Amino acid sequence: MINDSTLVMSEIVTNAVTAARGREIRLRCALEDGTPLLGCWDPSPDLPNPAPPSLTAENGRGLAIVSAYAYAYAKETGTRPSATGEGKIVWAQMPA
């Protein structure tokens, strides 16, 4: 499960770095109800927009990977506005 969680967090962080455009991001890994909760905040209010990449694209597959793992492994996933009103948090609750 550690490898699955690492892959999901890597993809979430990659999307946050792209959305932040050189600004700060914040990672959060916690246990909630005994299961890993992975999250990443970025300052952009724009929600992730999954779209199929072209066959030659070098990026654009991260959300598909997260969705596939979320469907197979994660208990829940989502995006929510931050408590401060600036930016968003993309998160995944992984199984124990």
PDB file of N, CA and C in Angstrom:
ATOM      1  N   MET A   1       0.819  -1.196   0.000  1.00  0.00           N
ATOM      2  CA  MET A   1       0.000   0.000   0.000  1.00  0.00           C
ATOM      3  C   MET A   1       0.864   1.262   0.000  1.00  0.00           C
ATOM      4  N   ILE A   2       2.084   1.178   0.541  1.00  0.00           N
ATOM      5  CA  ILE A   2       2.959   2.355   0.562  1.00  0.00           C
ATOM      6  C   ILE A   2       3.272   2.803  -0.853  1.00  0.00           C
ATOM      7  N   ASN A   3       3.555   1.871  -1.752  1.00  0.00           N
ATOM      8  CA  ASN A   3       3.859   2.250  -3.137  1.00  0.00           C
ATOM      9  C   ASN A   3       2.660   2.911  -3.805  1.00  0.00           C
ATOM     10  N   ASP A   4       1.459   2.394  -3.554  1.00  0.00           N
ATOM     11  CA  ASP A   4       0.255   2.999  -4.129  1.00  0.00           C
ATOM     12  C   ASP A   4       0.060   4.416  -3.595  1.00  0.00           C
ATOM     13  N   SER A   5       0.239   4.582  -2.292  1.00  0.00           N
ATOM     14  CA  SER A   5       0.095   5.911  -1.685  1.00  0.00           C
ATOM     15  C   SER A   5       1.147   6.867  -2.216  1.00  0.00           C
ATOM     16  N   THR A   6       2.366   6.385  -2.397  1.00  0.00           N
ATOM     17  CA  THR A   6       3.443   7.221  -2.934  1.00  0.00           C
ATOM     18  C   THR A   6       3.115   7.684  -4.345  1.00  0.00           C
ATOM     19  N   LEU A   7       2.611   6.787  -5.173  1.00  0.00           N
ATOM     20  CA  LEU A   7       2.244   7.152  -6.543  1.00  0.00           C
ATOM     21  C   LEU A   7       1.114   8.169  -6.561  1.00  0.00           C
ATOM     22  N   VAL A   8       0.079   7.939  -5.768  1.00  0.00           N
ATOM     23  CA  VAL A   8      -1.047   8.875  -5.722  1.00  0.00           C
ATOM     24  C   VAL A   8      -0.566  10.249  -5.255  1.00  0.00           C
ATOM     25  N   MET A   9       0.232  10.304  -4.182  1.00  0.00           N
ATOM     26  CA  MET A   9       0.718  11.592  -3.683  1.00  0.00           C
ATOM     27  C   MET A   9       1.612  12.263  -4.712  1.00  0.00           C
ATOM     28  N   SER A  10       2.453  11.504  -5.390  1.00  0.00           N
ATOM     29  CA  SER A  10       3.325  12.078  -6.420  1.00  0.00           C
ATOM     30  C   SER A  10       2.517  12.761  -7.522  1.00  0.00           C
ATOM     31  N   GLU A  11       1.451  12.128  -7.951  1.00  0.00           N
ATOM     32  CA  GLU A  11       0.625  12.711  -9.009  1.00  0.00           C
ATOM     33  C   GLU A  11      -0.127  13.945  -8.516  1.00  0.00           C
ATOM     34  N   ILE A  12      -0.638  13.891  -7.286  1.00  0.00           N
ATOM     35  CA  ILE A  12      -1.323  15.051  -6.710  1.00  0.00           C
ATOM     36  C   ILE A  12      -0.354  16.228  -6.597  1.00  0.00           C
ATOM     37  N   VAL A  13       0.863  15.963  -6.143  1.00  0.00           N
ATOM     38  CA  VAL A  13       1.867  17.027  -5.985  1.00  0.00           C
ATOM     39  C   VAL A  13       2.288  17.580  -7.336  1.00  0.00           C
ATOM     40  N   THR A  14       2.466  16.726  -8.321  1.00  0.00           N
ATOM     41  CA  THR A  14       2.837  17.198  -9.660  1.00  0.00           C
ATOM     42  C   THR A  14       1.786  18.161 -10.197  1.00  0.00           C
ATOM     43  N   ASN A  15       0.519  17.830 -10.019  1.00  0.00           N
ATOM     44  CA  ASN A  15      -0.549  18.737 -10.459  1.00  0.00           C
ATOM     45  C   ASN A  15      -0.515  20.051  -9.684  1.00  0.00           C
ATOM     46  N   ALA A  16      -0.231  19.980  -8.386  1.00  0.00           N
ATOM     47  CA  ALA A  16      -0.169  21.197  -7.572  1.00  0.00           C
ATOM     48  C   ALA A  16       0.990  22.086  -8.010  1.00  0.00           C
ATOM     49  N   VAL A  17       2.140  21.494  -8.295  1.00  0.00           N
ATOM     50  CA  VAL A  17       3.298  22.274  -8.753  1.00  0.00           C
ATOM     51  C   VAL A  17       2.958  22.981 -10.054  1.00  0.00           C
ATOM     52  N   THR A  18       2.284  22.281 -10.950  1.00  0.00           N
ATOM     53  CA  THR A  18       1.878  22.893 -12.220  1.00  0.00           C
ATOM     54  C   THR A  18       0.894  24.037 -11.984  1.00  0.00           C
ATOM     55  N   ALA A  19      -0.069  23.835 -11.109  1.00  0.00           N
ATOM     56  CA  ALA A  19      -1.075  24.867 -10.825  1.00  0.00           C
ATOM     57  C   ALA A  19      -0.475  26.054 -10.086  1.00  0.00           C
ATOM     58  N   ALA A  20       0.521  25.807  -9.238  1.00  0.00           N
ATOM     59  CA  ALA A  20       1.099  26.872  -8.415  1.00  0.00           C
ATOM     60  C   ALA A  20       1.981  27.817  -9.211  1.00  0.00           C
ATOM     61  N   ARG A  21       2.518  27.358 -10.311  1.00  0.00           N
ATOM     62  CA  ARG A  21       3.372  28.191 -11.171  1.00  0.00           C
ATOM     63  C   ARG A  21       4.456  28.920 -10.380  1.00  0.00           C
ATOM     64  N   GLY A  22       5.272  28.149  -9.661  1.00  0.00           N
ATOM     65  CA  GLY A  22       6.405  28.732  -8.948  1.00  0.00           C
ATOM     66  C   GLY A  22       6.095  29.237  -7.557  1.00  0.00           C
ATOM     67  N   ARG A  23       4.842  29.138  -7.139  1.00  0.00           N
ATOM     68  CA  ARG A  23       4.476  29.574  -5.792  1.00  0.00           C
ATOM     69  C   ARG A  23       4.496  28.382  -4.844  1.00  0.00           C
ATOM     70  N   GLU A  24       4.279  28.635  -3.579  1.00  0.00           N
ATOM     71  CA  GLU A  24       4.322  27.622  -2.539  1.00  0.00           C
ATOM     72  C   GLU A  24       3.184  26.612  -2.668  1.00  0.00           C
ATOM     73  N   ILE A  25       3.486  25.352  -2.340  1.00  0.00           N
ATOM     74  CA  ILE A  25       2.462  24.324  -2.166  1.00  0.00           C
ATOM     75  C   ILE A  25       2.676  23.722  -0.782  1.00  0.00           C
ATOM     76  N   ARG A  26       1.681  23.009  -0.278  1.00  0.00           N
ATOM     77  CA  ARG A  26       1.796  22.359   1.034  1.00  0.00           C
ATOM     78  C   ARG A  26       1.273  20.936   0.943  1.00  0.00           C
ATOM     79  N   LEU A  27       2.050  20.017   1.512  1.00  0.00           N
ATOM     80  CA  LEU A  27       1.659  18.614   1.548  1.00  0.00           C
ATOM     81  C   LEU A  27       1.152  18.268   2.933  1.00  0.00           C
ATOM     82  N   ARG A  28       0.238  17.313   2.973  1.00  0.00           N
ATOM     83  CA  ARG A  28      -0.237  16.825   4.267  1.00  0.00           C
ATOM     84  C   ARG A  28      -0.461  15.328   4.152  1.00  0.00           C
ATOM     85  N   CYS A  29       0.177  14.610   5.040  1.00  0.00           N
ATOM     86  CA  CYS A  29      -0.033  13.166   5.162  1.00  0.00           C
ATOM     87  C   CYS A  29      -0.430  12.933   6.605  1.00  0.00           C
ATOM     88  N   ALA A  30      -1.580  12.338   6.815  1.00  0.00           N
ATOM     89  CA  ALA A  30      -2.077  12.131   8.174  1.00  0.00           C
ATOM     90  C   ALA A  30      -2.829  10.805   8.232  1.00  0.00           C
ATOM     91  N   LEU A  31      -3.070  10.360   9.446  1.00  0.00           N
ATOM     92  CA  LEU A  31      -3.946   9.211   9.643  1.00  0.00           C
ATOM     93  C   LEU A  31      -5.294   9.727  10.099  1.00  0.00           C
ATOM     94  N   GLU A  32      -6.328   9.289   9.415  1.00  0.00           N
ATOM     95  CA  GLU A  32      -7.686   9.652   9.799  1.00  0.00           C
ATOM     96  C   GLU A  32      -8.496   8.365   9.885  1.00  0.00           C
ATOM     97  N   ASP A  33      -9.019   8.097  11.047  1.00  0.00           N
ATOM     98  CA  ASP A  33      -9.737   6.847  11.287  1.00  0.00           C
ATOM     99  C   ASP A  33      -8.879   5.631  10.941  1.00  0.00           C
ATOM    100  N   GLY A  34      -7.568   5.741  11.205  1.00  0.00           N
ATOM    101  CA  GLY A  34      -6.651   4.625  10.989  1.00  0.00           C
ATOM    102  C   GLY A  34      -6.213   4.417   9.559  1.00  0.00           C
ATOM    103  N   THR A  35      -6.575   5.319   8.644  1.00  0.00           N
ATOM    104  CA  THR A  35      -6.167   5.177   7.248  1.00  0.00           C
ATOM    105  C   THR A  35      -5.434   6.430   6.784  1.00  0.00           C
ATOM    106  N   PRO A  36      -4.477   6.280   5.851  1.00  0.00           N
ATOM    107  CA  PRO A  36      -3.722   7.436   5.371  1.00  0.00           C
ATOM    108  C   PRO A  36      -4.607   8.423   4.615  1.00  0.00           C
ATOM    109  N   LEU A  37      -4.481   9.686   4.958  1.00  0.00           N
ATOM    110  CA  LEU A  37      -5.139  10.775   4.247  1.00  0.00           C
ATOM    111  C   LEU A  37      -4.040  11.613   3.608  1.00  0.00           C
ATOM    112  N   LEU A  38      -4.014  11.653   2.287  1.00  0.00           N
ATOM    113  CA  LEU A  38      -2.995  12.373   1.529  1.00  0.00           C
ATOM    114  C   LEU A  38      -3.624  13.630   0.951  1.00  0.00           C
ATOM    115  N   GLY A  39      -2.941  14.747   1.064  1.00  0.00           N
ATOM    116  CA  GLY A  39      -3.490  15.979   0.520  1.00  0.00           C
ATOM    117  C   GLY A  39      -2.407  16.946   0.105  1.00  0.00           C
ATOM    118  N   CYS A  40      -2.761  17.820  -0.812  1.00  0.00           N
ATOM    119  CA  CYS A  40      -1.836  18.857  -1.254  1.00  0.00           C
ATOM    120  C   CYS A  40      -2.627  20.126  -1.554  1.00  0.00           C
ATOM    121  N   TRP A  41      -2.157  21.229  -0.957  1.00  0.00           N
ATOM    122  CA  TRP A  41      -2.756  22.538  -1.188  1.00  0.00           C
ATOM    123  C   TRP A  41      -1.930  23.276  -2.226  1.00  0.00           C
ATOM    124  N   ASP A  42      -2.598  23.986  -3.109  1.00  0.00           N
ATOM    125  CA  ASP A  42      -1.922  24.933  -4.000  1.00  0.00           C
ATOM    126  C   ASP A  42      -2.748  26.207  -4.060  1.00  0.00           C
ATOM    127  N   PRO A  43      -2.131  27.326  -4.423  1.00  0.00           N
ATOM    128  CA  PRO A  43      -2.819  28.618  -4.359  1.00  0.00           C
ATOM    129  C   PRO A  43      -3.811  28.882  -5.488  1.00  0.00           C
ATOM    130  N   SER A  44      -3.863  28.033  -6.485  1.00  0.00           N
ATOM    131  CA  SER A  44      -4.768  28.264  -7.605  1.00  0.00           C
ATOM    132  C   SER A  44      -6.197  27.859  -7.246  1.00  0.00           C
ATOM    133  N   PRO A  45      -7.176  28.694  -7.540  1.00  0.00           N
ATOM    134  CA  PRO A  45      -8.569  28.319  -7.285  1.00  0.00           C
ATOM    135  C   PRO A  45      -9.127  27.387  -8.370  1.00  0.00           C
ATOM    136  N   ASP A  46      -8.391  27.243  -9.476  1.00  0.00           N
ATOM    137  CA  ASP A  46      -8.873  26.430 -10.592  1.00  0.00           C
ATOM    138  C   ASP A  46      -8.889  24.953 -10.205  1.00  0.00           C
ATOM    139  N   LEU A  47     -10.029  24.312 -10.416  1.00  0.00           N
ATOM    140  CA  LEU A  47     -10.153  22.897 -10.109  1.00  0.00           C
ATOM    141  C   LEU A  47      -9.442  22.062 -11.160  1.00  0.00           C
ATOM    142  N   PRO A  48      -8.952  20.885 -10.770  1.00  0.00           N
ATOM    143  CA  PRO A  48      -8.333  19.998 -11.768  1.00  0.00           C
ATOM    144  C   PRO A  48      -9.325  19.707 -12.882  1.00  0.00           C
ATOM    145  N   ASN A  49      -8.812  19.665 -14.091  1.00  0.00           N
ATOM    146  CA  ASN A  49      -9.655  19.457 -15.261  1.00  0.00           C
ATOM    147  C   ASN A  49      -9.123  18.275 -16.056  1.00  0.00           C
ATOM    148  N   PRO A  50      -9.556  17.045 -15.713  1.00  0.00           N
ATOM    149  CA  PRO A  50      -9.040  15.897 -16.448  1.00  0.00           C
ATOM    150  C   PRO A  50      -9.492  15.923 -17.899  1.00  0.00           C
ATOM    151  N   ALA A  51      -8.548  15.702 -18.785  1.00  0.00           N
ATOM    152  CA  ALA A  51      -8.840  15.632 -20.211  1.00  0.00           C
ATOM    153  C   ALA A  51      -7.890  14.601 -20.809  1.00  0.00           C
ATOM    154  N   PRO A  52      -8.346  13.851 -21.785  1.00  0.00           N
ATOM    155  CA  PRO A  52      -7.462  12.845 -22.374  1.00  0.00           C
ATOM    156  C   PRO A  52      -6.302  13.515 -23.108  1.00  0.00           C
ATOM    157  N   PRO A  53      -5.055  13.141 -22.781  1.00  0.00           N
ATOM    158  CA  PRO A  53      -3.907  13.724 -23.485  1.00  0.00           C
ATOM    159  C   PRO A  53      -3.738  13.063 -24.851  1.00  0.00           C
ATOM    160  N   SER A  54      -3.016  13.750 -25.715  1.00  0.00           N
ATOM    161  CA  SER A  54      -2.700  13.130 -27.002  1.00  0.00           C
ATOM    162  C   SER A  54      -1.691  12.005 -26.762  1.00  0.00           C
ATOM    163  N   LEU A  55      -1.550  11.139 -27.722  1.00  0.00           N
ATOM    164  CA  LEU A  55      -0.635  10.004 -27.576  1.00  0.00           C
ATOM    165  C   LEU A  55       0.817  10.443 -27.422  1.00  0.00           C
ATOM    166  N   THR A  56       1.167  11.622 -27.928  1.00  0.00           N
ATOM    167  CA  THR A  56       2.550  12.092 -27.866  1.00  0.00           C
ATOM    168  C   THR A  56       2.792  13.093 -26.734  1.00  0.00           C
ATOM    169  N   ALA A  57       1.773  13.416 -25.958  1.00  0.00           N
ATOM    170  CA  ALA A  57       1.923  14.387 -24.872  1.00  0.00           C
ATOM    171  C   ALA A  57       2.865  13.852 -23.794  1.00  0.00           C
ATOM    172  N   GLU A  58       3.699  14.748 -23.256  1.00  0.00           N
ATOM    173  CA  GLU A  58       4.632  14.368 -22.196  1.00  0.00           C
ATOM    174  C   GLU A  58       4.009  14.487 -20.817  1.00  0.00           C
ATOM    175  N   ASN A  59       2.810  15.050 -20.723  1.00  0.00           N
ATOM    176  CA  ASN A  59       2.126  15.160 -19.439  1.00  0.00           C
ATOM    177  C   ASN A  59       0.623  15.057 -19.681  1.00  0.00           C
ATOM    178  N   GLY A  60      -0.142  15.196 -18.598  1.00  0.00           N
ATOM    179  CA  GLY A  60      -1.588  15.173 -18.742  1.00  0.00           C
ATOM    180  C   GLY A  60      -2.237  13.857 -18.350  1.00  0.00           C
ATOM    181  N   ARG A  61      -1.441  12.943 -17.794  1.00  0.00           N
ATOM    182  CA  ARG A  61      -1.998  11.645 -17.411  1.00  0.00           C
ATOM    183  C   ARG A  61      -2.149  11.483 -15.903  1.00  0.00           C
ATOM    184  N   GLY A  62      -1.684  12.456 -15.125  1.00  0.00           N
ATOM    185  CA  GLY A  62      -1.670  12.342 -13.666  1.00  0.00           C
ATOM    186  C   GLY A  62      -3.032  12.119 -13.051  1.00  0.00           C
ATOM    187  N   LEU A  63      -4.024  12.905 -13.462  1.00  0.00           N
ATOM    188  CA  LEU A  63      -5.356  12.744 -12.887  1.00  0.00           C
ATOM    189  C   LEU A  63      -5.970  11.399 -13.262  1.00  0.00           C
ATOM    190  N   ALA A  64      -5.650  10.906 -14.445  1.00  0.00           N
ATOM    191  CA  ALA A  64      -6.144   9.585 -14.840  1.00  0.00           C
ATOM    192  C   ALA A  64      -5.531   8.511 -13.951  1.00  0.00           C
ATOM    193  N   ILE A  65      -4.247   8.671 -13.622  1.00  0.00           N
ATOM    194  CA  ILE A  65      -3.581   7.718 -12.726  1.00  0.00           C
ATOM    195  C   ILE A  65      -4.206   7.782 -11.339  1.00  0.00           C
ATOM    196  N   VAL A  66      -4.377   8.993 -10.828  1.00  0.00           N
ATOM    197  CA  VAL A  66      -4.991   9.147  -9.506  1.00  0.00           C
ATOM    198  C   VAL A  66      -6.394   8.557  -9.509  1.00  0.00           C
ATOM    199  N   SER A  67      -7.173   8.826 -10.544  1.00  0.00           N
ATOM    200  CA  SER A  67      -8.534   8.298 -10.627  1.00  0.00           C
ATOM    201  C   SER A  67      -8.534   6.776 -10.670  1.00  0.00           C
ATOM    202  N   ALA A  68      -7.621   6.208 -11.444  1.00  0.00           N
ATOM    203  CA  ALA A  68      -7.563   4.746 -11.546  1.00  0.00           C
ATOM    204  C   ALA A  68      -7.205   4.133 -10.197  1.00  0.00           C
ATOM    205  N   TYR A  69      -6.220   4.697  -9.530  1.00  0.00           N
ATOM    206  CA  TYR A  69      -5.841   4.182  -8.216  1.00  0.00           C
ATOM    207  C   TYR A  69      -6.929   4.460  -7.190  1.00  0.00           C
ATOM    208  N   ALA A  70      -7.554   5.599  -7.304  1.00  0.00           N
ATOM    209  CA  ALA A  70      -8.627   5.927  -6.369  1.00  0.00           C
ATOM    210  C   ALA A  70      -9.771   4.933  -6.514  1.00  0.00           C
ATOM    211  N   TYR A  71     -10.094   4.614  -7.738  1.00  0.00           N
ATOM    212  CA  TYR A  71     -11.176   3.657  -7.974  1.00  0.00           C
ATOM    213  C   TYR A  71     -10.810   2.284  -7.416  1.00  0.00           C
ATOM    214  N   ALA A  72      -9.560   1.879  -7.645  1.00  0.00           N
ATOM    215  CA  ALA A  72      -9.141   0.541  -7.237  1.00  0.00           C
ATOM    216  C   ALA A  72      -8.743   0.469  -5.766  1.00  0.00           C
ATOM    217  N   TYR A  73      -8.141   1.544  -5.237  1.00  0.00           N
ATOM    218  CA  TYR A  73      -7.520   1.444  -3.927  1.00  0.00           C
ATOM    219  C   TYR A  73      -8.015   2.452  -2.893  1.00  0.00           C
ATOM    220  N   ALA A  74      -8.304   3.656  -3.307  1.00  0.00           N
ATOM    221  CA  ALA A  74      -8.635   4.700  -2.336  1.00  0.00           C
ATOM    222  C   ALA A  74     -10.078   4.559  -1.862  1.00  0.00           C
ATOM    223  N   LYS A  75     -10.289   4.936  -0.612  1.00  0.00           N
ATOM    224  CA  LYS A  75     -11.641   4.940  -0.067  1.00  0.00           C
ATOM    225  C   LYS A  75     -12.430   6.104  -0.654  1.00  0.00           C
ATOM    226  N   GLU A  76     -11.781   7.265  -0.728  1.00  0.00           N
ATOM    227  CA  GLU A  76     -12.424   8.471  -1.260  1.00  0.00           C
ATOM    228  C   GLU A  76     -11.352   9.404  -1.808  1.00  0.00           C
ATOM    229  N   THR A  77     -11.750  10.263  -2.737  1.00  0.00           N
ATOM    230  CA  THR A  77     -10.880  11.325  -3.242  1.00  0.00           C
ATOM    231  C   THR A  77     -11.725  12.568  -3.434  1.00  0.00           C
ATOM    232  N   GLY A  78     -11.063  13.699  -3.575  1.00  0.00           N
ATOM    233  CA  GLY A  78     -11.831  14.907  -3.830  1.00  0.00           C
ATOM    234  C   GLY A  78     -10.979  16.151  -3.897  1.00  0.00           C
ATOM    235  N   THR A  79     -11.658  17.238  -4.139  1.00  0.00           N
ATOM    236  CA  THR A  79     -11.054  18.566  -4.167  1.00  0.00           C
ATOM    237  C   THR A  79     -11.969  19.472  -3.368  1.00  0.00           C
ATOM    238  N   ARG A  80     -11.357  20.340  -2.551  1.00  0.00           N
ATOM    239  CA  ARG A  80     -12.174  21.277  -1.781  1.00  0.00           C
ATOM    240  C   ARG A  80     -11.431  22.595  -1.666  1.00  0.00           C
ATOM    241  N   PRO A  81     -12.157  23.696  -1.485  1.00  0.00           N
ATOM    242  CA  PRO A  81     -11.502  24.979  -1.251  1.00  0.00           C
ATOM    243  C   PRO A  81     -10.766  24.923   0.089  1.00  0.00           C
ATOM    244  N   SER A  82      -9.695  25.683   0.201  1.00  0.00           N
ATOM    245  CA  SER A  82      -8.982  25.715   1.481  1.00  0.00           C
ATOM    246  C   SER A  82      -9.799  26.499   2.505  1.00  0.00           C
ATOM    247  N   ALA A  83      -9.505  26.264   3.765  1.00  0.00           N
ATOM    248  CA  ALA A  83     -10.231  26.939   4.843  1.00  0.00           C
ATOM    249  C   ALA A  83     -10.010  28.445   4.823  1.00  0.00           C
ATOM    250  N   THR A  84      -8.881  28.888   4.271  1.00  0.00           N
ATOM    251  CA  THR A  84      -8.584  30.320   4.215  1.00  0.00           C
ATOM    252  C   THR A  84      -9.271  31.011   3.045  1.00  0.00           C
ATOM    253  N   GLY A  85      -9.805  30.217   2.127  1.00  0.00           N
ATOM    254  CA  GLY A  85     -10.436  30.796   0.941  1.00  0.00           C
ATOM    255  C   GLY A  85      -9.471  31.004  -0.205  1.00  0.00           C
ATOM    256  N   GLU A  86      -8.185  30.743   0.035  1.00  0.00           N
ATOM    257  CA  GLU A  86      -7.193  30.876  -1.037  1.00  0.00           C
ATOM    258  C   GLU A  86      -6.793  29.488  -1.513  1.00  0.00           C
ATOM    259  N   GLY A  87      -6.982  29.213  -2.774  1.00  0.00           N
ATOM    260  CA  GLY A  87      -6.538  27.954  -3.341  1.00  0.00           C
ATOM    261  C   GLY A  87      -7.468  26.795  -3.046  1.00  0.00           C
ATOM    262  N   LYS A  88      -6.913  25.610  -3.245  1.00  0.00           N
ATOM    263  CA  LYS A  88      -7.697  24.380  -3.097  1.00  0.00           C
ATOM    264  C   LYS A  88      -6.822  23.283  -2.518  1.00  0.00           C
ATOM    265  N   ILE A  89      -7.486  22.226  -2.066  1.00  0.00           N
ATOM    266  CA  ILE A  89      -6.801  21.039  -1.575  1.00  0.00           C
ATOM    267  C   ILE A  89      -7.320  19.855  -2.371  1.00  0.00           C
ATOM    268  N   VAL A  90      -6.406  19.103  -2.955  1.00  0.00           N
ATOM    269  CA  VAL A  90      -6.738  17.857  -3.624  1.00  0.00           C
ATOM    270  C   VAL A  90      -6.296  16.750  -2.681  1.00  0.00           C
ATOM    271  N   TRP A  91      -7.174  15.779  -2.427  1.00  0.00           N
ATOM    272  CA  TRP A  91      -6.873  14.779  -1.408  1.00  0.00           C
ATOM    273  C   TRP A  91      -7.340  13.386  -1.832  1.00  0.00           C
ATOM    274  N   ALA A  92      -6.759  12.378  -1.170  1.00  0.00           N
ATOM    275  CA  ALA A  92      -7.174  10.993  -1.346  1.00  0.00           C
ATOM    276  C   ALA A  92      -7.061  10.275  -0.013  1.00  0.00           C
ATOM    277  N   GLN A  93      -8.101   9.578   0.359  1.00  0.00           N
ATOM    278  CA  GLN A  93      -8.102   8.755   1.569  1.00  0.00           C
ATOM    279  C   GLN A  93      -7.796   7.333   1.121  1.00  0.00           C
ATOM    280  N   MET A  94      -6.647   6.818   1.527  1.00  0.00           N
ATOM    281  CA  MET A  94      -6.215   5.483   1.108  1.00  0.00           C
ATOM    282  C   MET A  94      -6.702   4.443   2.116  1.00  0.00           C
ATOM    283  N   PRO A  95      -6.786   3.185   1.698  1.00  0.00           N
ATOM    284  CA  PRO A  95      -7.180   2.142   2.645  1.00  0.00           C
ATOM    285  C   PRO A  95      -6.033   1.820   3.593  1.00  0.00           C
ATOM    286  N   ALA A  96      -6.358   1.163   4.691  1.00  0.00           N
ATOM    287  CA  ALA A  96      -5.340   0.790   5.688  1.00  0.00           C
ATOM    288  C   ALA A  96      -4.450  -0.306   5.146  1.00  0.00           C
TER     289      ALA A  96
END
